[in-house]
Structure formats: C-alpha cells, structure tokens
Protein backbone atom coordinates (compact mmCIF):
# COMPACT_ATOMS: atom_id res chain seq x y z
CA ARG A 1 0.03 0.44 0.02
CA LYS A 2 1.22 3.59 -0.70
CA PHE A 3 0.78 5.87 2.28
CA LYS A 4 1.23 9.70 1.67
CA ILE A 5 3.03 11.00 5.22
CA LYS A 6 -0.19 13.74 6.38
CA THR A 7 0.60 15.02 9.94
CA VAL A 8 4.48 14.83 10.16
CA LYS A 9 6.45 17.75 8.82
CA GLY A 10 10.07 16.91 8.23
CA ALA A 11 12.17 14.49 8.95
CA ASN A 12 10.72 11.84 11.71
CA ASP A 13 11.26 8.49 11.10
CA PRO A 14 8.85 6.94 14.27
CA ALA A 15 6.48 9.41 13.93
CA ALA A 16 6.09 9.03 10.17
CA LEU A 17 5.92 4.92 11.15
CA THR A 18 3.23 5.46 13.79
CA GLU A 19 1.32 7.72 11.27
CA ILE A 20 1.32 5.03 8.52
CA LEU A 21 0.94 1.71 11.03
CA GLU A 22 -1.99 3.75 12.45
CA ARG A 23 -3.97 4.63 9.13
CA ARG A 24 -3.21 1.05 7.98
CA PHE A 25 -4.91 -0.66 10.66
CA ASN A 26 -7.64 1.43 10.56
CA HIS A 27 -9.00 -0.40 7.66
CA ASP A 28 -10.65 -2.96 9.36
CA GLU A 29 -11.44 -4.78 5.86
CA TRP A 30 -7.66 -5.49 5.20
CA ALA A 31 -6.25 -8.88 6.77
CA LEU A 32 -3.48 -8.18 9.65
CA PRO A 33 0.21 -9.18 8.32
CA ASN A 34 1.74 -11.62 9.86
CA MET A 35 4.71 -9.92 10.61
CA ILE A 36 5.87 -6.26 10.54
CA VAL A 37 9.20 -5.37 9.33
CA VAL A 38 10.64 -2.29 9.62
CA ASP A 39 13.52 -0.13 7.91
CA GLY A 40 15.65 1.13 11.52
CA ASN A 41 16.58 0.57 14.65
CA LEU A 42 15.32 -0.27 17.99
CA ILE A 43 13.62 3.42 17.63
CA GLN A 44 11.91 2.19 14.66
CA ARG A 45 11.09 -1.21 15.87
CA ASN A 46 9.28 0.57 19.56
CA ALA A 47 7.24 2.98 18.03
CA ALA A 48 5.82 -0.16 15.53
CA LYS A 49 5.21 -1.70 18.83
CA ALA A 50 3.63 0.84 20.51
CA VAL A 51 1.00 1.25 17.77
CA LEU A 52 0.46 -2.45 17.87
CA LYS A 53 0.08 -2.31 21.95
CA LYS A 54 -2.31 0.30 21.52
CA ARG A 55 -4.51 -1.40 19.84
CA HIS A 56 -4.26 -5.08 21.26
CA LEU A 57 -2.66 -6.34 18.32
CA GLU A 58 0.36 -9.30 18.76
CA ILE A 59 2.19 -9.29 15.67
CA PRO A 60 6.11 -9.88 15.47
CA VAL A 61 8.43 -6.90 14.38
CA VAL A 62 11.45 -7.17 13.21
CA SER A 63 13.68 -4.04 12.47
CA VAL A 64 16.67 -4.99 9.57
CA VAL A 65 19.15 -2.46 10.82
CA LYS A 66 21.68 -0.94 8.00
CA ASP A 67 25.25 0.13 8.07
CA ALA A 68 26.54 3.47 6.67
CA ARG A 69 26.85 1.95 3.19
CA HIS A 70 23.07 1.15 3.57
CA LYS A 71 23.33 -2.45 3.40
CA PRO A 72 21.73 -4.57 5.95
CA LYS A 73 24.13 -5.76 8.66
CA GLU A 74 21.67 -7.08 11.57
CA LEU A 75 18.16 -8.55 12.28
CA VAL A 76 16.70 -7.61 15.71
CA GLY A 77 13.83 -9.45 16.80
CA GLU A 78 12.26 -13.02 17.29
CA LYS A 79 14.89 -14.81 16.48
CA SER A 80 13.27 -18.06 15.83
CA LEU A 81 11.52 -16.23 13.42
CA ILE A 82 14.84 -14.31 12.37
CA GLU A 83 16.23 -18.01 11.23
CA LEU A 84 13.33 -19.37 9.87
CA HIS A 85 12.16 -16.03 7.44
CA LYS A 86 15.81 -14.47 7.29
CA TYR A 87 15.93 -14.59 3.02
CA GLY A 88 11.92 -13.24 2.59
CA ILE A 89 12.95 -10.41 5.24
CA LEU A 90 15.50 -8.99 3.54
CA LEU A 91 14.13 -9.95 0.49
CA SER A 92 11.00 -7.63 0.95
CA ASN A 93 12.70 -5.14 3.22
CA SER A 94 14.82 -4.48 0.01
CA GLU A 95 11.87 -4.89 -2.32
CA ALA A 96 9.54 -2.27 0.30
CA HIS A 97 12.64 0.07 -0.08
CA ARG A 98 12.93 0.05 -3.86
CA PHE A 99 8.90 0.59 -4.29
CA ALA A 100 9.18 3.33 -1.56
CA LEU A 101 11.98 5.41 -3.14
CA THR A 102 9.98 4.95 -6.57
CA PHE A 103 7.12 6.06 -5.28
CA HIS A 104 8.41 9.56 -3.50
CA LYS A 105 10.73 10.17 -6.69
CA LYS A 106 7.16 10.54 -8.38
CA LEU A 107 6.27 12.36 -5.84
CA ARG A 108 8.99 15.03 -5.82
CA SER A 109 8.85 15.28 -9.82
CA LYS A 110 5.04 15.95 -9.37
CA ARG A 111 5.90 18.97 -7.15
CA MET A 112 8.56 20.24 -9.20
CA LEU A 113 6.40 20.73 -12.20
C-alpha cells in the first residue's frame, strides 16, 4: 500500500511510521499481517510495537538495521522468526525500500512541475 505522510513535517521516521501503521490498522477490511518488518533500528521497532500495543495486536516486529552504506547489517526481533524467515525478511525489506524510493521520486517530480 502507498501512504502519503499527512501529519509529520520534516524528517521524523518514528512519527511517520506511527502514522502509517495507525492509518493502515484503521482498515478492518484488510487482513492483518503475519509479521511487520521495519527499516531502521530499535527506535523504529519500538514505534511499531507501541502502535500494536495500543491496538491490542500481537504481531511480531522485525527491524532491519543498516550500516553506513545502507546495507543490512543486523536483524532485530524474535530469533526463531529471523532464523526461519531471514531470506524473506531481507528480500521484502529490499523490495519495500525500492518501492518507497520510486514512489517518493514520483511525488517529488510532480511537485517540480
């Protein structure tokens, strides 16, 4: 799904993630995910967990921590899930990152016109 950030001004990843997850979980007609993968460190993971706790949802959250070259260096979350789904987590994170960059480039190019 594509969400435009509506309430957060400037660069505030945890607040933007919170907004997106809250808006996403407002759609009761959409199935709940089996796992949430966030791009970031413990701050982003904790923001996602806070939204889930507020809504009384028990969905595992895995965080993909990147190095200075924006390459995955660590996965943070339930170890058994990470061991079982490591390849899928990294692949979905990479695809979501590509998807988001393409979406934001498109939005920026529309604003330039």
